[in-house]
Amino acid sequence: MKKKVVGFCQHVFGISMTIAVLVGALVFVLLLIAFIAGGDFGQSLAIFCKNVMYKAITLSAIGSLVGMFAFYVDDSHELTLKTSESKQEKSASA
């Protein structure tokens, strides 16, 4: 059961990060178009991009929380220093 939850959380994390990055790239292109076009159209497009980016940042934050949850449930997060612990255990036993 634990592996299924971790697998699901990792998939949600990966999908949300992929979507957030792709939306960020799309917003970049749209902002370039808005800058080049200028005027009322450029202003409207820039405001639209702001709203879209706000939703992408929210999605990214939720995905990050789900990913951190998966790391801590699996007890394999990146901040674990297992090599240092094993060296300390070897030196204590010697």
PDB file of N, CA and C in Angstrom:
ATOM      1  N   MET A   1       0.819  -1.197   0.000  1.00  0.00           N
ATOM      2  CA  MET A   1       0.000   0.000   0.000  1.00  0.00           C
ATOM      3  C   MET A   1       0.868   1.269   0.000  1.00  0.00           C
ATOM      4  N   LYS A   2       1.948   1.234   0.778  1.00  0.00           N
ATOM      5  CA  LYS A   2       2.847   2.387   0.865  1.00  0.00           C
ATOM      6  C   LYS A   2       3.467   2.683  -0.504  1.00  0.00           C
ATOM      7  N   LYS A   3       3.864   1.641  -1.228  1.00  0.00           N
ATOM      8  CA  LYS A   3       4.475   1.840  -2.550  1.00  0.00           C
ATOM      9  C   LYS A   3       3.481   2.436  -3.538  1.00  0.00           C
ATOM     10  N   LYS A   4       2.216   2.044  -3.433  1.00  0.00           N
ATOM     11  CA  LYS A   4       1.197   2.586  -4.340  1.00  0.00           C
ATOM     12  C   LYS A   4       0.975   4.074  -4.078  1.00  0.00           C
ATOM     13  N   VAL A   5       0.932   4.445  -2.791  1.00  0.00           N
ATOM     14  CA  VAL A   5       0.744   5.858  -2.446  1.00  0.00           C
ATOM     15  C   VAL A   5       1.937   6.675  -2.918  1.00  0.00           C
ATOM     16  N   VAL A   6       3.150   6.156  -2.688  1.00  0.00           N
ATOM     17  CA  VAL A   6       4.359   6.863  -3.117  1.00  0.00           C
ATOM     18  C   VAL A   6       4.403   6.971  -4.636  1.00  0.00           C
ATOM     19  N   GLY A   7       4.058   5.893  -5.328  1.00  0.00           N
ATOM     20  CA  GLY A   7       4.039   5.928  -6.790  1.00  0.00           C
ATOM     21  C   GLY A   7       3.035   6.931  -7.325  1.00  0.00           C
ATOM     22  N   PHE A   8       1.854   6.957  -6.719  1.00  0.00           N
ATOM     23  CA  PHE A   8       0.834   7.922  -7.138  1.00  0.00           C
ATOM     24  C   PHE A   8       1.302   9.351  -6.898  1.00  0.00           C
ATOM     25  N   CYS A   9       1.876   9.599  -5.728  1.00  0.00           N
ATOM     26  CA  CYS A   9       2.366  10.945  -5.410  1.00  0.00           C
ATOM     27  C   CYS A   9       3.485  11.371  -6.352  1.00  0.00           C
ATOM     28  N   GLN A  10       4.365  10.449  -6.700  1.00  0.00           N
ATOM     29  CA  GLN A  10       5.450  10.785  -7.627  1.00  0.00           C
ATOM     30  C   GLN A  10       4.912  11.097  -9.017  1.00  0.00           C
ATOM     31  N   HIS A  11       3.875  10.377  -9.435  1.00  0.00           N
ATOM     32  CA  HIS A  11       3.270  10.676 -10.737  1.00  0.00           C
ATOM     33  C   HIS A  11       2.595  12.046 -10.725  1.00  0.00           C
ATOM     34  N   VAL A  12       1.882  12.344  -9.650  1.00  0.00           N
ATOM     35  CA  VAL A  12       1.242  13.657  -9.541  1.00  0.00           C
ATOM     36  C   VAL A  12       2.302  14.754  -9.553  1.00  0.00           C
ATOM     37  N   PHE A  13       3.395  14.547  -8.818  1.00  0.00           N
ATOM     38  CA  PHE A  13       4.494  15.511  -8.791  1.00  0.00           C
ATOM     39  C   PHE A  13       5.068  15.723 -10.193  1.00  0.00           C
ATOM     40  N   GLY A  14       5.370  14.645 -10.885  1.00  0.00           N
ATOM     41  CA  GLY A  14       5.957  14.749 -12.221  1.00  0.00           C
ATOM     42  C   GLY A  14       5.042  15.433 -13.214  1.00  0.00           C
ATOM     43  N   ILE A  15       3.777  15.070 -13.182  1.00  0.00           N
ATOM     44  CA  ILE A  15       2.821  15.667 -14.119  1.00  0.00           C
ATOM     45  C   ILE A  15       2.628  17.151 -13.825  1.00  0.00           C
ATOM     46  N   SER A  16       2.499  17.502 -12.556  1.00  0.00           N
ATOM     47  CA  SER A  16       2.282  18.912 -12.224  1.00  0.00           C
ATOM     48  C   SER A  16       3.502  19.763 -12.558  1.00  0.00           C
ATOM     49  N   MET A  17       4.696  19.233 -12.341  1.00  0.00           N
ATOM     50  CA  MET A  17       5.901  19.995 -12.683  1.00  0.00           C
ATOM     51  C   MET A  17       6.039  20.148 -14.197  1.00  0.00           C
ATOM     52  N   THR A  18       5.716  19.097 -14.942  1.00  0.00           N
ATOM     53  CA  THR A  18       5.784  19.171 -16.403  1.00  0.00           C
ATOM     54  C   THR A  18       4.809  20.217 -16.931  1.00  0.00           C
ATOM     55  N   ILE A  19       3.595  20.182 -16.418  1.00  0.00           N
ATOM     56  CA  ILE A  19       2.594  21.158 -16.861  1.00  0.00           C
ATOM     57  C   ILE A  19       3.044  22.576 -16.497  1.00  0.00           C
ATOM     58  N   ALA A  20       3.567  22.758 -15.292  1.00  0.00           N
ATOM     59  CA  ALA A  20       3.990  24.094 -14.866  1.00  0.00           C
ATOM     60  C   ALA A  20       5.121  24.631 -15.744  1.00  0.00           C
ATOM     61  N   VAL A  21       6.067  23.779 -16.085  1.00  0.00           N
ATOM     62  CA  VAL A  21       7.186  24.222 -16.937  1.00  0.00           C
ATOM     63  C   VAL A  21       6.692  24.546 -18.343  1.00  0.00           C
ATOM     64  N   LEU A  22       5.817  23.714 -18.891  1.00  0.00           N
ATOM     65  CA  LEU A  22       5.299  23.975 -20.237  1.00  0.00           C
ATOM     66  C   LEU A  22       4.450  25.241 -20.273  1.00  0.00           C
ATOM     67  N   VAL A  23       3.662  25.471 -19.231  1.00  0.00           N
ATOM     68  CA  VAL A  23       2.876  26.704 -19.166  1.00  0.00           C
ATOM     69  C   VAL A  23       3.811  27.905 -19.053  1.00  0.00           C
ATOM     70  N   GLY A  24       4.884  27.772 -18.284  1.00  0.00           N
ATOM     71  CA  GLY A  24       5.857  28.854 -18.174  1.00  0.00           C
ATOM     72  C   GLY A  24       6.484  29.191 -19.516  1.00  0.00           C
ATOM     73  N   ALA A  25       6.790  28.168 -20.302  1.00  0.00           N
ATOM     74  CA  ALA A  25       7.349  28.403 -21.638  1.00  0.00           C
ATOM     75  C   ALA A  25       6.328  29.079 -22.553  1.00  0.00           C
ATOM     76  N   LEU A  26       5.094  28.636 -22.461  1.00  0.00           N
ATOM     77  CA  LEU A  26       4.038  29.246 -23.276  1.00  0.00           C
ATOM     78  C   LEU A  26       3.827  30.704 -22.884  1.00  0.00           C
ATOM     79  N   VAL A  27       3.841  30.986 -21.599  1.00  0.00           N
ATOM     80  CA  VAL A  27       3.680  32.366 -21.125  1.00  0.00           C
ATOM     81  C   VAL A  27       4.840  33.229 -21.598  1.00  0.00           C
ATOM     82  N   PHE A  28       6.052  32.668 -21.609  1.00  0.00           N
ATOM     83  CA  PHE A  28       7.203  33.422 -22.114  1.00  0.00           C
ATOM     84  C   PHE A  28       6.986  33.850 -23.561  1.00  0.00           C
ATOM     85  N   VAL A  29       6.534  32.900 -24.384  1.00  0.00           N
ATOM     86  CA  VAL A  29       6.299  33.217 -25.798  1.00  0.00           C
ATOM     87  C   VAL A  29       5.189  34.257 -25.934  1.00  0.00           C
ATOM     88  N   LEU A  30       4.133  34.093 -25.148  1.00  0.00           N
ATOM     89  CA  LEU A  30       3.034  35.051 -25.226  1.00  0.00           C
ATOM     90  C   LEU A  30       3.453  36.444 -24.758  1.00  0.00           C
ATOM     91  N   LEU A  31       4.319  36.506 -23.749  1.00  0.00           N
ATOM     92  CA  LEU A  31       4.802  37.809 -23.302  1.00  0.00           C
ATOM     93  C   LEU A  31       5.711  38.466 -24.349  1.00  0.00           C
ATOM     94  N   LEU A  32       6.479  37.662 -25.064  1.00  0.00           N
ATOM     95  CA  LEU A  32       7.262  38.228 -26.172  1.00  0.00           C
ATOM     96  C   LEU A  32       6.349  38.806 -27.246  1.00  0.00           C
ATOM     97  N   ILE A  33       5.287  38.078 -27.557  1.00  0.00           N
ATOM     98  CA  ILE A  33       4.322  38.570 -28.548  1.00  0.00           C
ATOM     99  C   ILE A  33       3.661  39.857 -28.036  1.00  0.00           C
ATOM    100  N   ALA A  34       3.323  39.885 -26.745  1.00  0.00           N
ATOM    101  CA  ALA A  34       2.701  41.077 -26.172  1.00  0.00           C
ATOM    102  C   ALA A  34       3.649  42.267 -26.219  1.00  0.00           C
ATOM    103  N   PHE A  35       4.925  42.021 -25.944  1.00  0.00           N
ATOM    104  CA  PHE A  35       5.919  43.096 -25.985  1.00  0.00           C
ATOM    105  C   PHE A  35       6.075  43.646 -27.399  1.00  0.00           C
ATOM    106  N   ILE A  36       6.120  42.737 -28.373  1.00  0.00           N
ATOM    107  CA  ILE A  36       6.281  43.163 -29.768  1.00  0.00           C
ATOM    108  C   ILE A  36       5.021  43.876 -30.263  1.00  0.00           C
ATOM    109  N   ALA A  37       3.855  43.328 -29.931  1.00  0.00           N
ATOM    110  CA  ALA A  37       2.601  43.911 -30.416  1.00  0.00           C
ATOM    111  C   ALA A  37       2.332  45.267 -29.769  1.00  0.00           C
ATOM    112  N   GLY A  38       2.511  45.335 -28.467  1.00  0.00           N
ATOM    113  CA  GLY A  38       2.291  46.593 -27.760  1.00  0.00           C
ATOM    114  C   GLY A  38       0.834  47.021 -27.773  1.00  0.00           C
ATOM    115  N   GLY A  39       0.592  48.212 -27.316  1.00  0.00           N
ATOM    116  CA  GLY A  39      -0.756  48.774 -27.334  1.00  0.00           C
ATOM    117  C   GLY A  39      -1.727  48.029 -26.431  1.00  0.00           C
ATOM    118  N   ASP A  40      -2.998  48.183 -26.769  1.00  0.00           N
ATOM    119  CA  ASP A  40      -4.043  47.546 -25.984  1.00  0.00           C
ATOM    120  C   ASP A  40      -3.984  46.023 -26.072  1.00  0.00           C
ATOM    121  N   PHE A  41      -3.661  45.526 -27.252  1.00  0.00           N
ATOM    122  CA  PHE A  41      -3.565  44.068 -27.404  1.00  0.00           C
ATOM    123  C   PHE A  41      -2.442  43.499 -26.543  1.00  0.00           C
ATOM    124  N   GLY A  42      -1.301  44.157 -26.558  1.00  0.00           N
ATOM    125  CA  GLY A  42      -0.182  43.704 -25.744  1.00  0.00           C
ATOM    126  C   GLY A  42      -0.499  43.757 -24.258  1.00  0.00           C
ATOM    127  N   GLN A  43      -1.195  44.817 -23.854  1.00  0.00           N
ATOM    128  CA  GLN A  43      -1.583  44.939 -22.453  1.00  0.00           C
ATOM    129  C   GLN A  43      -2.555  43.834 -22.060  1.00  0.00           C
ATOM    130  N   SER A  44      -3.526  43.566 -22.891  1.00  0.00           N
ATOM    131  CA  SER A  44      -4.501  42.507 -22.603  1.00  0.00           C
ATOM    132  C   SER A  44      -3.827  41.147 -22.548  1.00  0.00           C
ATOM    133  N   LEU A  45      -2.897  40.905 -23.452  1.00  0.00           N
ATOM    134  CA  LEU A  45      -2.190  39.629 -23.475  1.00  0.00           C
ATOM    135  C   LEU A  45      -1.293  39.475 -22.254  1.00  0.00           C
ATOM    136  N   ALA A  46      -0.664  40.543 -21.823  1.00  0.00           N
ATOM    137  CA  ALA A  46       0.184  40.482 -20.627  1.00  0.00           C
ATOM    138  C   ALA A  46      -0.641  40.213 -19.375  1.00  0.00           C
ATOM    139  N   ILE A  47      -1.808  40.808 -19.278  1.00  0.00           N
ATOM    140  CA  ILE A  47      -2.686  40.556 -18.126  1.00  0.00           C
ATOM    141  C   ILE A  47      -3.174  39.108 -18.156  1.00  0.00           C
ATOM    142  N   PHE A  48      -3.493  38.611 -19.333  1.00  0.00           N
ATOM    143  CA  PHE A  48      -3.890  37.203 -19.463  1.00  0.00           C
ATOM    144  C   PHE A  48      -2.750  36.289 -19.017  1.00  0.00           C
ATOM    145  N   CYS A  49      -1.536  36.618 -19.417  1.00  0.00           N
ATOM    146  CA  CYS A  49      -0.368  35.818 -19.025  1.00  0.00           C
ATOM    147  C   CYS A  49      -0.169  35.831 -17.514  1.00  0.00           C
ATOM    148  N   LYS A  50      -0.416  36.982 -16.884  1.00  0.00           N
ATOM    149  CA  LYS A  50      -0.295  37.069 -15.425  1.00  0.00           C
ATOM    150  C   LYS A  50      -1.267  36.110 -14.754  1.00  0.00           C
ATOM    151  N   ASN A  51      -2.491  36.065 -15.238  1.00  0.00           N
ATOM    152  CA  ASN A  51      -3.494  35.176 -14.654  1.00  0.00           C
ATOM    153  C   ASN A  51      -3.152  33.708 -14.871  1.00  0.00           C
ATOM    154  N   VAL A  52      -2.664  33.391 -16.054  1.00  0.00           N
ATOM    155  CA  VAL A  52      -2.284  32.003 -16.349  1.00  0.00           C
ATOM    156  C   VAL A  52      -1.084  31.596 -15.498  1.00  0.00           C
ATOM    157  N   MET A  53      -0.127  32.478 -15.365  1.00  0.00           N
ATOM    158  CA  MET A  53       1.071  32.160 -14.587  1.00  0.00           C
ATOM    159  C   MET A  53       0.741  31.991 -13.112  1.00  0.00           C
ATOM    160  N   TYR A  54      -0.216  32.747 -12.603  1.00  0.00           N
ATOM    161  CA  TYR A  54      -0.637  32.588 -11.218  1.00  0.00           C
ATOM    162  C   TYR A  54      -1.163  31.171 -10.986  1.00  0.00           C
ATOM    163  N   LYS A  55      -1.947  30.672 -11.931  1.00  0.00           N
ATOM    164  CA  LYS A  55      -2.478  29.307 -11.811  1.00  0.00           C
ATOM    165  C   LYS A  55      -1.360  28.265 -11.938  1.00  0.00           C
ATOM    166  N   ALA A  56      -0.381  28.521 -12.798  1.00  0.00           N
ATOM    167  CA  ALA A  56       0.733  27.588 -12.961  1.00  0.00           C
ATOM    168  C   ALA A  56       1.601  27.541 -11.711  1.00  0.00           C
ATOM    169  N   ILE A  57       1.805  28.675 -11.064  1.00  0.00           N
ATOM    170  CA  ILE A  57       2.586  28.705  -9.825  1.00  0.00           C
ATOM    171  C   ILE A  57       1.854  27.964  -8.723  1.00  0.00           C
ATOM    172  N   THR A  58       0.541  28.117  -8.659  1.00  0.00           N
ATOM    173  CA  THR A  58      -0.261  27.386  -7.674  1.00  0.00           C
ATOM    174  C   THR A  58      -0.169  25.884  -7.920  1.00  0.00           C
ATOM    175  N   LEU A  59      -0.270  25.473  -9.171  1.00  0.00           N
ATOM    176  CA  LEU A  59      -0.143  24.056  -9.512  1.00  0.00           C
ATOM    177  C   LEU A  59       1.239  23.526  -9.145  1.00  0.00           C
ATOM    178  N   SER A  60       2.251  24.315  -9.397  1.00  0.00           N
ATOM    179  CA  SER A  60       3.612  23.910  -9.063  1.00  0.00           C
ATOM    180  C   SER A  60       3.801  23.758  -7.559  1.00  0.00           C
ATOM    181  N   ALA A  61       3.224  24.653  -6.784  1.00  0.00           N
ATOM    182  CA  ALA A  61       3.335  24.574  -5.323  1.00  0.00           C
ATOM    183  C   ALA A  61       2.618  23.337  -4.787  1.00  0.00           C
ATOM    184  N   ILE A  62       1.447  23.054  -5.316  1.00  0.00           N
ATOM    185  CA  ILE A  62       0.718  21.855  -4.890  1.00  0.00           C
ATOM    186  C   ILE A  62       1.491  20.605  -5.270  1.00  0.00           C
ATOM    187  N   GLY A  63       2.032  20.581  -6.476  1.00  0.00           N
ATOM    188  CA  GLY A  63       2.833  19.432  -6.908  1.00  0.00           C
ATOM    189  C   GLY A  63       4.071  19.249  -6.053  1.00  0.00           C
ATOM    190  N   SER A  64       4.700  20.336  -5.654  1.00  0.00           N
ATOM    191  CA  SER A  64       5.874  20.248  -4.787  1.00  0.00           C
ATOM    192  C   SER A  64       5.517  19.666  -3.422  1.00  0.00           C
ATOM    193  N   LEU A  65       4.385  20.084  -2.873  1.00  0.00           N
ATOM    194  CA  LEU A  65       3.944  19.531  -1.596  1.00  0.00           C
ATOM    195  C   LEU A  65       3.666  18.034  -1.694  1.00  0.00           C
ATOM    196  N   VAL A  66       3.025  17.615  -2.775  1.00  0.00           N
ATOM    197  CA  VAL A  66       2.754  16.190  -2.976  1.00  0.00           C
ATOM    198  C   VAL A  66       4.061  15.425  -3.143  1.00  0.00           C
ATOM    199  N   GLY A  67       5.016  16.002  -3.860  1.00  0.00           N
ATOM    200  CA  GLY A  67       6.319  15.357  -4.034  1.00  0.00           C
ATOM    201  C   GLY A  67       7.079  15.236  -2.730  1.00  0.00           C
ATOM    202  N   MET A  68       7.045  16.270  -1.904  1.00  0.00           N
ATOM    203  CA  MET A  68       7.711  16.195  -0.595  1.00  0.00           C
ATOM    204  C   MET A  68       7.047  15.154   0.292  1.00  0.00           C
ATOM    205  N   PHE A  69       5.725  15.064   0.214  1.00  0.00           N
ATOM    206  CA  PHE A  69       5.010  14.047   0.972  1.00  0.00           C
ATOM    207  C   PHE A  69       5.468  12.647   0.562  1.00  0.00           C
ATOM    208  N   ALA A  70       5.639  12.444  -0.744  1.00  0.00           N
ATOM    209  CA  ALA A  70       6.098  11.140  -1.240  1.00  0.00           C
ATOM    210  C   ALA A  70       7.505  10.821  -0.757  1.00  0.00           C
ATOM    211  N   PHE A  71       8.393  11.823  -0.750  1.00  0.00           N
ATOM    212  CA  PHE A  71       9.760  11.595  -0.267  1.00  0.00           C
ATOM    213  C   PHE A  71       9.773  11.176   1.190  1.00  0.00           C
ATOM    214  N   TYR A  72       8.994  11.851   1.997  1.00  0.00           N
ATOM    215  CA  TYR A  72       9.017  11.565   3.421  1.00  0.00           C
ATOM    216  C   TYR A  72       8.271  10.287   3.778  1.00  0.00           C
ATOM    217  N   VAL A  73       7.240   9.919   3.038  1.00  0.00           N
ATOM    218  CA  VAL A  73       6.554   8.652   3.276  1.00  0.00           C
ATOM    219  C   VAL A  73       7.462   7.491   2.912  1.00  0.00           C
ATOM    220  N   ASP A  74       8.217   7.648   1.839  1.00  0.00           N
ATOM    221  CA  ASP A  74       9.105   6.586   1.369  1.00  0.00           C
ATOM    222  C   ASP A  74      10.408   6.530   2.159  1.00  0.00           C
ATOM    223  N   ASP A  75      10.692   7.532   2.981  1.00  0.00           N
ATOM    224  CA  ASP A  75      11.946   7.624   3.736  1.00  0.00           C
ATOM    225  C   ASP A  75      13.177   7.574   2.846  1.00  0.00           C
ATOM    226  N   SER A  76      13.076   8.176   1.674  1.00  0.00           N
ATOM    227  CA  SER A  76      14.222   8.202   0.765  1.00  0.00           C
ATOM    228  C   SER A  76      14.447   9.607   0.210  1.00  0.00           C
ATOM    229  N   HIS A  77      14.151  10.611   1.007  1.00  0.00           N
ATOM    230  CA  HIS A  77      14.317  11.971   0.510  1.00  0.00           C
ATOM    231  C   HIS A  77      15.796  12.286   0.322  1.00  0.00           C
ATOM    232  N   GLU A  78      16.034  13.307  -0.439  1.00  0.00           N
ATOM    233  CA  GLU A  78      17.391  13.623  -0.884  1.00  0.00           C
ATOM    234  C   GLU A  78      18.270  14.193   0.213  1.00  0.00           C
ATOM    235  N   LEU A  79      17.708  14.591   1.320  1.00  0.00           N
ATOM    236  CA  LEU A  79      18.500  15.217   2.372  1.00  0.00           C
ATOM    237  C   LEU A  79      19.018  14.206   3.397  1.00  0.00           C
ATOM    238  N   THR A  80      18.832  12.932   3.136  1.00  0.00           N
ATOM    239  CA  THR A  80      19.311  11.901   4.044  1.00  0.00           C
ATOM    240  C   THR A  80      20.802  11.679   3.821  1.00  0.00           C
ATOM    241  N   LEU A  81      21.568  11.638   4.897  1.00  0.00           N
ATOM    242  CA  LEU A  81      23.005  11.419   4.806  1.00  0.00           C
ATOM    243  C   LEU A  81      23.325  10.008   5.283  1.00  0.00           C
ATOM    244  N   LYS A  82      22.976   9.036   4.490  1.00  0.00           N
ATOM    245  CA  LYS A  82      23.186   7.650   4.890  1.00  0.00           C
ATOM    246  C   LYS A  82      24.659   7.274   4.902  1.00  0.00           C
ATOM    247  N   THR A  83      25.470   7.848   4.024  1.00  0.00           N
ATOM    248  CA  THR A  83      26.888   7.494   3.985  1.00  0.00           C
ATOM    249  C   THR A  83      27.599   7.983   5.238  1.00  0.00           C
ATOM    250  N   SER A  84      27.246   9.155   5.732  1.00  0.00           N
ATOM    251  CA  SER A  84      27.864   9.668   6.950  1.00  0.00           C
ATOM    252  C   SER A  84      27.472   8.834   8.151  1.00  0.00           C
ATOM    253  N   GLU A  85      26.229   8.390   8.183  1.00  0.00           N
ATOM    254  CA  GLU A  85      25.773   7.562   9.290  1.00  0.00           C
ATOM    255  C   GLU A  85      26.500   6.224   9.304  1.00  0.00           C
ATOM    256  N   SER A  86      26.680   5.633   8.133  1.00  0.00           N
ATOM    257  CA  SER A  86      27.347   4.334   8.064  1.00  0.00           C
ATOM    258  C   SER A  86      28.826   4.450   8.451  1.00  0.00           C
ATOM    259  N   LYS A  87      29.490   5.575   8.113  1.00  0.00           N
ATOM    260  CA  LYS A  87      30.877   5.779   8.497  1.00  0.00           C
ATOM    261  C   LYS A  87      30.992   5.938  10.012  1.00  0.00           C
ATOM    262  N   GLN A  88      30.043   6.658  10.609  1.00  0.00           N
ATOM    263  CA  GLN A  88      30.064   6.841  12.050  1.00  0.00           C
ATOM    264  C   GLN A  88      29.834   5.510  12.778  1.00  0.00           C
ATOM    265  N   GLU A  89      28.967   4.677  12.229  1.00  0.00           N
ATOM    266  CA  GLU A  89      28.711   3.370  12.854  1.00  0.00           C
ATOM    267  C   GLU A  89      29.937   2.482  12.764  1.00  0.00           C
ATOM    268  N   LYS A  90      30.655   2.536  11.640  1.00  0.00           N
ATOM    269  CA  LYS A  90      31.864   1.722  11.476  1.00  0.00           C
ATOM    270  C   LYS A  90      32.952   2.177  12.451  1.00  0.00           C
ATOM    271  N   SER A  91      33.117   3.513  12.578  1.00  0.00           N
ATOM    272  CA  SER A  91      34.173   4.000  13.469  1.00  0.00           C
ATOM    273  C   SER A  91      33.808   3.743  14.948  1.00  0.00           C
ATOM    274  N   ALA A  92      32.533   3.729  15.266  1.00  0.00           N
ATOM    275  CA  ALA A  92      32.112   3.464  16.663  1.00  0.00           C
ATOM    276  C   ALA A  92      32.305   1.993  17.023  1.00  0.00           C
ATOM    277  N   SER A  93      32.110   1.113  16.040  1.00  0.00           N
ATOM    278  CA  SER A  93      32.232  -0.326  16.318  1.00  0.00           C
ATOM    279  C   SER A  93      33.691  -0.769  16.332  1.00  0.00           C
ATOM    280  N   ALA A  94      34.603  -0.010  15.754  1.00  0.00           N
ATOM    281  CA  ALA A  94      36.014  -0.407  15.669  1.00  0.00           C
ATOM    282  C   ALA A  94      36.800  -0.109  16.909  1.00  0.00           C
TER     283      ALA A  94
END
